[in-house]
Protein backbone atom coordinates (compact mmCIF):
# COMPACT_ATOMS: atom_id res chain seq x y z
CA GLU A 1 -159.80 119.36 18.19
CA ALA A 2 -156.81 121.51 19.12
CA VAL A 3 -154.05 119.77 21.05
CA ASP A 4 -153.33 122.77 23.27
CA ASN A 5 -152.38 120.48 26.15
CA LEU A 6 -149.29 119.44 24.16
CA CYS A 7 -145.98 121.16 24.90
CA ALA A 8 -142.69 120.19 23.23
CA THR A 9 -139.22 121.30 24.29
CA VAL A 10 -136.36 121.50 21.80
CA ASP A 11 -132.81 121.81 23.12
CA VAL A 12 -131.19 123.93 20.41
CA ASN A 13 -127.56 123.40 21.35
CA ARG A 14 -126.06 124.00 17.87
CA LEU A 15 -123.70 121.03 17.80
CA GLY A 16 -124.16 117.48 16.63
CA GLN A 17 -121.69 114.70 17.33
CA SER A 18 -119.44 115.21 14.31
CA SER A 19 -120.26 118.75 13.18
CA PRO A 20 -122.60 121.71 13.78
CA THR A 21 -126.27 121.33 12.84
CA MET A 22 -127.63 122.98 9.71
CA LEU A 23 -129.38 125.91 11.41
CA GLU A 24 -127.03 126.07 14.41
CA HIS A 25 -128.32 128.92 16.63
CA ASP A 26 -130.51 130.59 13.99
CA MET A 27 -133.41 130.85 16.44
CA LYS A 28 -135.41 133.10 14.10
CA THR A 29 -135.59 130.34 11.47
CA HIS A 30 -136.22 127.64 14.06
CA LYS A 31 -139.20 129.64 15.34
CA ALA A 32 -140.53 130.39 11.85
CA ARG A 33 -140.54 126.69 10.94
CA TRP A 34 -142.54 125.66 13.99
CA LYS A 35 -144.99 128.55 13.54
CA ALA A 36 -145.52 127.45 9.93
CA PHE A 37 -146.94 124.19 11.29
CA GLY A 38 -149.35 126.00 13.60
CA TRP A 39 -147.37 125.88 16.85
CA ASN A 40 -147.05 128.64 19.41
CA ALA A 41 -143.25 128.93 19.41
CA ILE A 42 -141.36 130.50 22.32
CA VAL A 43 -137.62 131.14 22.21
CA VAL A 44 -135.82 131.26 25.57
CA ASP A 45 -132.36 131.04 27.07
CA GLY A 46 -132.26 127.37 28.02
CA HIS A 47 -129.89 128.12 30.91
CA ASP A 48 -132.34 130.62 32.48
CA VAL A 49 -134.59 128.60 34.77
CA ALA A 50 -136.91 131.54 35.45
CA ALA A 51 -137.38 132.08 31.71
CA LEU A 52 -138.15 128.40 31.21
CA VAL A 53 -140.74 128.43 34.01
CA ALA A 54 -142.39 131.50 32.50
CA ALA A 55 -142.45 129.86 29.07
CA TYR A 56 -144.13 126.74 30.47
CA ALA A 57 -146.70 128.94 32.21
CA GLU A 58 -147.44 130.61 28.86
CA ALA A 59 -147.73 127.18 27.25
CA ALA A 60 -150.26 126.07 29.86
CA ALA A 61 -152.33 129.21 29.24
CA THR A 62 -152.23 128.99 25.43
CA LYS A 63 -155.45 127.72 23.86
CA GLY A 64 -156.16 126.51 20.36
CA LYS A 65 -152.68 125.35 19.43
CA PRO A 66 -149.75 123.34 20.85
CA THR A 67 -146.66 125.10 22.19
CA VAL A 68 -142.98 124.46 21.59
CA ILE A 69 -140.22 125.82 23.83
CA LEU A 70 -137.10 126.50 21.76
CA ALA A 71 -134.36 126.54 24.37
CA LYS A 72 -131.08 128.00 23.14
CA THR A 73 -128.28 126.29 25.03
CA LEU A 74 -124.51 125.93 24.91
CA LYS A 75 -122.96 122.49 25.13
CA GLY A 76 -120.62 122.32 28.12
CA LYS A 77 -121.92 125.60 29.53
CA GLY A 78 -119.35 127.09 31.90
CA LEU A 79 -116.83 124.29 31.32
CA PRO A 80 -113.72 123.92 29.17
CA GLY A 81 -114.85 123.39 25.58
CA GLU A 82 -118.08 125.37 25.98
CA ASN A 83 -119.92 125.61 22.64
CA GLN A 84 -117.02 123.98 20.82
CA ASN A 85 -117.13 121.15 18.32
CA GLY A 86 -115.26 117.90 19.00
CA TYR A 87 -116.16 117.41 22.68
CA HIS A 88 -119.23 115.18 22.21
CA GLY A 89 -118.93 111.73 23.79
CA LYS A 90 -115.39 112.27 25.03
CA PRO A 91 -114.15 112.10 28.63
CA VAL A 92 -112.87 115.22 30.35
CA ALA A 93 -109.17 115.73 29.66
CA SER A 94 -106.97 114.89 32.65
CA GLY A 95 -105.71 118.46 32.94
CA GLU A 96 -109.25 119.85 33.08
CA VAL A 97 -110.75 117.61 35.80
CA GLU A 98 -110.09 119.94 38.73
CA GLN A 99 -111.44 122.96 36.88
CA VAL A 100 -114.58 121.07 35.87
CA LEU A 101 -115.23 119.82 39.41
CA LYS A 102 -114.72 123.30 40.85
CA THR A 103 -117.13 124.80 38.32
CA LEU A 104 -119.81 122.19 39.00
CA GLU A 105 -119.46 122.43 42.77
CA GLY A 106 -119.85 126.18 42.50
CA LYS A 107 -123.31 125.67 41.05
CA LEU A 108 -124.60 123.63 44.00
CA SER A 109 -127.35 125.39 45.93
CA GLY A 110 -126.17 124.16 49.31
CA SER A 111 -129.52 122.50 50.03
CA LYS A 112 -129.19 119.12 51.74
CA LYS A 113 -132.83 118.17 51.10
CA PRO A 114 -132.86 115.21 48.65
CA TRP A 115 -134.55 115.88 45.33
CA LYS A 116 -137.54 113.72 44.54
CA PRO A 117 -139.14 113.45 41.10
CA ASN A 118 -142.78 114.39 40.68
CA LEU A 119 -144.07 110.93 39.85
CA PRO A 120 -147.73 109.91 39.38
CA ALA A 121 -149.67 108.31 42.21
CA LYS A 122 -149.62 104.64 43.06
CA GLY A 123 -151.06 102.30 40.46
CA ALA A 124 -149.42 104.02 37.50
CA LYS A 125 -147.14 101.09 36.73
CA ALA A 126 -148.60 98.92 34.03
CA LYS A 127 -149.81 95.45 34.91
CA ALA A 128 -149.62 96.12 38.65
CA SER A 129 -152.43 93.57 38.81
CA ARG A 130 -153.32 90.82 36.37
CA PRO A 131 -155.90 91.69 33.71
CA LYS A 132 -159.45 90.80 34.58
CA LYS A 133 -160.55 87.43 33.24
CA MET A 134 -161.66 87.64 29.62
CA SER A 135 -164.32 85.55 27.90
CA ALA A 136 -163.58 82.03 26.64
CA PRO A 137 -162.25 81.51 23.10
CA PRO A 138 -165.14 80.96 20.65
CA TYR A 139 -163.40 78.24 18.61
CA ALA A 140 -164.09 74.56 18.05
CA LEU A 141 -161.71 71.89 16.81
CA GLY A 142 -161.30 72.12 13.06
CA ASP A 143 -162.56 75.71 12.72
CA LEU A 144 -160.61 77.54 10.01
CA VAL A 145 -159.40 80.79 11.58
CA ALA A 146 -156.30 82.88 10.86
CA THR A 147 -154.16 83.59 13.91
CA ARG A 148 -154.22 87.30 13.02
CA ARG A 149 -158.03 87.14 13.21
CA ALA A 150 -157.86 85.37 16.55
CA PHE A 151 -155.53 88.11 17.79
CA GLY A 152 -158.10 90.80 16.96
CA GLN A 153 -160.94 88.86 18.53
CA ALA A 154 -158.91 88.19 21.69
CA LEU A 155 -157.88 91.85 21.86
CA GLY A 156 -161.51 92.93 21.67
CA ALA A 157 -162.49 90.48 24.40
CA LEU A 158 -159.58 91.62 26.56
CA ALA A 159 -160.57 95.27 26.10
CA LYS A 160 -164.10 94.48 27.27
CA SER A 161 -162.77 92.93 30.47
CA ASP A 162 -160.05 95.47 31.37
CA PRO A 163 -160.20 99.25 30.76
CA ARG A 164 -156.39 99.50 30.79
CA VAL A 165 -156.09 97.70 27.47
CA VAL A 166 -155.30 100.01 24.53
CA ALA A 167 -154.19 99.52 20.92
CA VAL A 168 -151.90 101.48 18.60
CA ASP A 169 -152.22 100.81 14.88
CA ALA A 170 -150.11 101.58 11.79
CA ASP A 171 -152.92 102.08 9.26
CA VAL A 172 -153.61 98.36 8.92
CA LYS A 173 -156.42 97.91 11.43
CA ASN A 174 -158.60 96.03 8.93
CA SER A 175 -155.78 93.54 8.20
CA THR A 176 -154.42 93.07 11.72
CA TYR A 177 -157.92 93.35 13.21
CA THR A 178 -156.98 95.86 15.88
CA GLU A 179 -160.27 97.41 14.76
CA ASP A 180 -161.93 94.85 17.04
CA LEU A 181 -160.72 96.92 20.00
CA GLU A 182 -161.76 100.16 18.30
CA LYS A 183 -165.30 98.78 18.07
CA VAL A 184 -165.25 98.14 21.82
CA ASP A 185 -163.98 101.63 22.76
CA SER A 186 -162.73 104.06 20.12
CA LYS A 187 -161.11 106.23 22.80
CA ARG A 188 -158.66 103.42 23.55
CA PHE A 189 -157.65 103.02 19.92
CA PHE A 190 -154.80 105.20 18.60
CA GLN A 191 -154.06 105.53 14.89
CA GLY A 192 -150.34 106.04 14.29
CA TYR A 193 -150.55 105.65 10.51
CA ILE A 194 -147.48 104.46 8.59
CA ALA A 195 -144.89 105.48 11.19
CA GLU A 196 -143.97 102.24 12.90
CA GLN A 197 -141.15 103.60 15.06
CA ASN A 198 -143.48 106.24 16.43
CA MET A 199 -146.20 103.61 16.94
CA VAL A 200 -143.92 101.51 19.17
CA GLY A 201 -142.75 104.62 21.02
CA VAL A 202 -146.32 105.67 21.75
CA ALA A 203 -147.12 102.17 22.99
CA MET A 204 -144.07 102.25 25.27
CA GLY A 205 -145.24 105.55 26.72
CA LEU A 206 -148.73 104.20 27.31
CA GLY A 207 -147.20 101.20 29.07
CA CYS A 208 -145.19 103.48 31.34
CA ARG A 209 -148.39 105.33 32.26
CA GLY A 210 -150.29 102.31 33.50
CA LYS A 211 -151.95 100.99 30.35
CA ILE A 212 -151.68 97.52 28.81
CA PRO A 213 -150.72 98.48 25.26
CA PHE A 214 -150.79 96.41 22.08
CA ALA A 215 -149.02 97.81 19.01
CA SER A 216 -149.57 95.92 15.79
CA THR A 217 -148.66 95.97 12.11
CA PHE A 218 -147.40 93.51 9.51
CA ALA A 219 -144.39 91.67 10.94
CA CYS A 220 -142.14 92.90 8.11
CA PHE A 221 -142.94 96.53 8.91
CA LEU A 222 -142.01 96.12 12.59
CA THR A 223 -138.38 95.95 11.47
CA ARG A 224 -138.70 99.67 10.72
CA ALA A 225 -139.01 100.13 14.47
CA ALA A 226 -136.09 97.84 15.37
CA ASP A 227 -134.37 100.56 17.42
CA PHE A 228 -137.48 101.18 19.55
CA VAL A 229 -138.12 97.43 19.85
CA ARG A 230 -134.60 97.18 21.25
CA MET A 231 -135.11 100.11 23.63
CA ALA A 232 -138.23 98.41 25.01
CA ALA A 233 -136.03 95.42 25.82
CA ILE A 234 -133.34 97.49 27.54
CA SER A 235 -135.87 99.47 29.58
CA ARG A 236 -138.04 96.39 30.33
CA THR A 237 -141.06 98.40 29.21
CA ASN A 238 -144.50 96.81 29.34
CA VAL A 239 -145.37 96.76 25.66
CA ASN A 240 -147.00 94.03 23.60
CA LEU A 241 -146.07 93.91 19.91
CA VAL A 242 -148.05 91.79 17.46
CA GLY A 243 -146.71 91.14 13.97
CA THR A 244 -149.12 89.75 11.40
CA HIS A 245 -148.65 88.32 7.88
CA ALA A 246 -145.54 86.44 8.98
CA GLY A 247 -143.56 84.13 6.73
CA ILE A 248 -143.92 83.24 3.06
CA SER A 249 -147.50 81.98 3.27
CA ILE A 250 -148.94 85.36 2.25
CA GLY A 251 -148.75 84.85 -1.51
CA GLU A 252 -151.65 87.24 -2.08
CA ASP A 253 -149.63 90.16 -0.70
CA GLY A 254 -146.29 89.42 -2.34
CA PRO A 255 -142.70 89.24 -1.07
CA SER A 256 -142.49 92.89 -0.02
CA GLN A 257 -144.86 92.15 2.86
CA MET A 258 -143.50 88.84 4.09
CA GLY A 259 -142.20 89.05 7.64
CA LEU A 260 -138.99 87.03 7.69
CA GLU A 261 -136.70 88.81 10.17
CA ASP A 262 -139.09 89.55 13.04
CA LEU A 263 -138.35 86.43 15.09
CA ALA A 264 -134.62 87.03 14.77
CA MET A 265 -135.14 90.62 15.87
CA THR A 266 -137.17 89.90 19.00
CA SER A 267 -135.79 86.52 20.09
CA THR A 268 -132.23 87.83 20.31
CA LEU A 269 -133.18 90.75 22.57
CA PRO A 270 -133.10 90.51 26.37
CA ASN A 271 -136.31 90.46 28.40
CA TYR A 272 -138.64 89.65 25.48
CA THR A 273 -141.27 86.94 25.75
CA VAL A 274 -141.96 85.66 22.22
CA PHE A 275 -144.94 83.57 21.11
CA TYR A 276 -145.55 82.03 17.68
CA PRO A 277 -149.07 80.55 17.86
CA SER A 278 -150.03 78.04 15.19
CA GLU A 279 -153.81 78.27 15.27
CA ALA A 280 -156.67 80.25 16.77
CA MET A 281 -156.81 78.73 20.27
CA SER A 282 -153.11 79.20 20.96
CA ALA A 283 -153.22 82.72 19.45
CA TRP A 284 -156.08 83.69 21.79
CA ARG A 285 -154.20 82.29 24.78
CA ALA A 286 -151.00 84.08 23.70
CA ILE A 287 -152.77 87.45 23.80
CA GLU A 288 -154.24 86.54 27.17
CA ALA A 289 -150.76 85.60 28.41
CA VAL A 290 -148.80 88.65 27.24
CA ALA A 291 -151.35 90.98 28.82
CA ALA A 292 -150.31 89.56 32.20
CA ILE A 293 -146.53 89.42 31.60
CA ASP A 294 -144.44 92.21 33.11
CA GLY A 295 -142.09 93.24 30.31
CA PRO A 296 -141.89 93.45 26.52
CA CYS A 297 -143.63 90.73 24.48
CA TYR A 298 -143.95 89.78 20.84
CA VAL A 299 -146.64 87.62 19.24
CA ARG A 300 -146.14 86.46 15.65
CA THR A 301 -149.31 85.71 13.67
CA SER A 302 -150.16 84.48 10.17
CA ARG A 303 -152.39 85.64 7.33
CA PRO A 304 -154.08 82.44 6.06
CA ASN A 305 -156.82 80.47 7.77
CA THR A 306 -155.57 77.38 9.59
CA PRO A 307 -157.55 74.63 11.35
CA THR A 308 -158.02 74.90 15.11
CA LEU A 309 -155.99 72.10 16.71
CA TYR A 310 -156.54 72.59 20.44
CA GLY A 311 -159.54 72.60 22.73
CA PRO A 312 -160.52 75.36 25.17
CA ASP A 313 -159.00 73.53 28.16
CA GLU A 314 -155.50 73.33 26.67
CA VAL A 315 -152.97 75.18 28.83
CA PHE A 316 -150.51 77.53 27.11
CA GLY A 317 -147.75 79.72 28.52
CA PRO A 318 -144.13 80.82 28.14
CA GLY A 319 -141.71 77.93 27.72
CA ILE A 320 -144.39 75.32 27.15
CA ALA A 321 -144.14 73.08 24.07
CA LYS A 322 -146.95 70.86 22.81
CA VAL A 323 -146.73 67.34 21.39
CA VAL A 324 -149.37 67.07 18.69
CA LYS A 325 -148.66 63.47 17.60
CA LYS A 326 -146.37 60.69 18.85
CA SER A 327 -145.95 56.94 18.70
CA LYS A 328 -143.63 54.21 19.97
CA LYS A 329 -142.19 53.91 16.47
CA ASP A 330 -140.93 57.47 16.35
CA GLN A 331 -137.31 57.94 15.23
CA VAL A 332 -137.18 61.70 14.77
CA THR A 333 -138.66 64.79 16.37
CA VAL A 334 -140.22 67.32 14.00
CA VAL A 335 -140.75 70.83 15.40
CA GLY A 336 -143.41 72.90 13.66
CA ALA A 337 -144.81 76.37 14.16
CA GLY A 338 -147.28 78.68 12.47
CA VAL A 339 -148.94 77.42 9.30
CA THR A 340 -146.53 74.49 8.95
CA LEU A 341 -147.76 72.77 12.12
CA PHE A 342 -151.07 71.43 10.81
CA GLU A 343 -149.38 70.28 7.57
């Protein structure tokens, strides 16, 4: 199916931070490269608003292929240092302030009507209301279930109860069990393949458009998206990340797929709610909890089967610790998580 409703805009401004780009303003080559990938490529003067509007109109009317607007622009247009290298990220020189202000003021239209962005209607913000109640966890004490499996089962149950729930996968749906949501509604399952940074970015966008997104891959591969994970924290985006195959208990898969840095990555970031469930019941409740939390969340899950330790009436939530065993003879406190807890 052609994605002719997709339109990209590239600001071709020639200069990077430290030096000019490879193609600079070679618009002919820029256009040829995009056309080679099947895009309808339109080159315009990026400073010409009328030309941009006309290009977007052409994009909207183009069928059978996506469109890219290649906007040729000059950094610092109309100001001292226009189209010159070495100005990126630097403050205006003291002797140029008046000239810059005069130039900018000369571009004002004179309209006193405040500009308002064209935002979507009410209800677009994710998690404006709590997710609808999902079914009860299907586990009994002692059941051997991997927390990654419980994640998939909880995700499927959550998707059945709330149409806003979506999943983005990184070509591991049969290991992370995001395929459980795909079986519920394939239109709410997005395959990002092995491009984890893009996967997290897509999930962030879905969250901004009113969905309750879950993006999942092996915990070790989430570190590839560390920059986007951090941006979700800074922007307080509603995105739920689930890392599976955490720790060194995944001997079958080898050291290259052991998630060791994921907790350090997410726990040190602002605004993140982080869960590390130790068995199926707490994993199910963690997925239920993050779906209702306003902000970025991370749930760490394990590969091997572990015995179910809690009953269906156990209450879980952010900041709540559980005491599994205690006695009057205790002299030390042992804190366990993940597969080490039942041991």
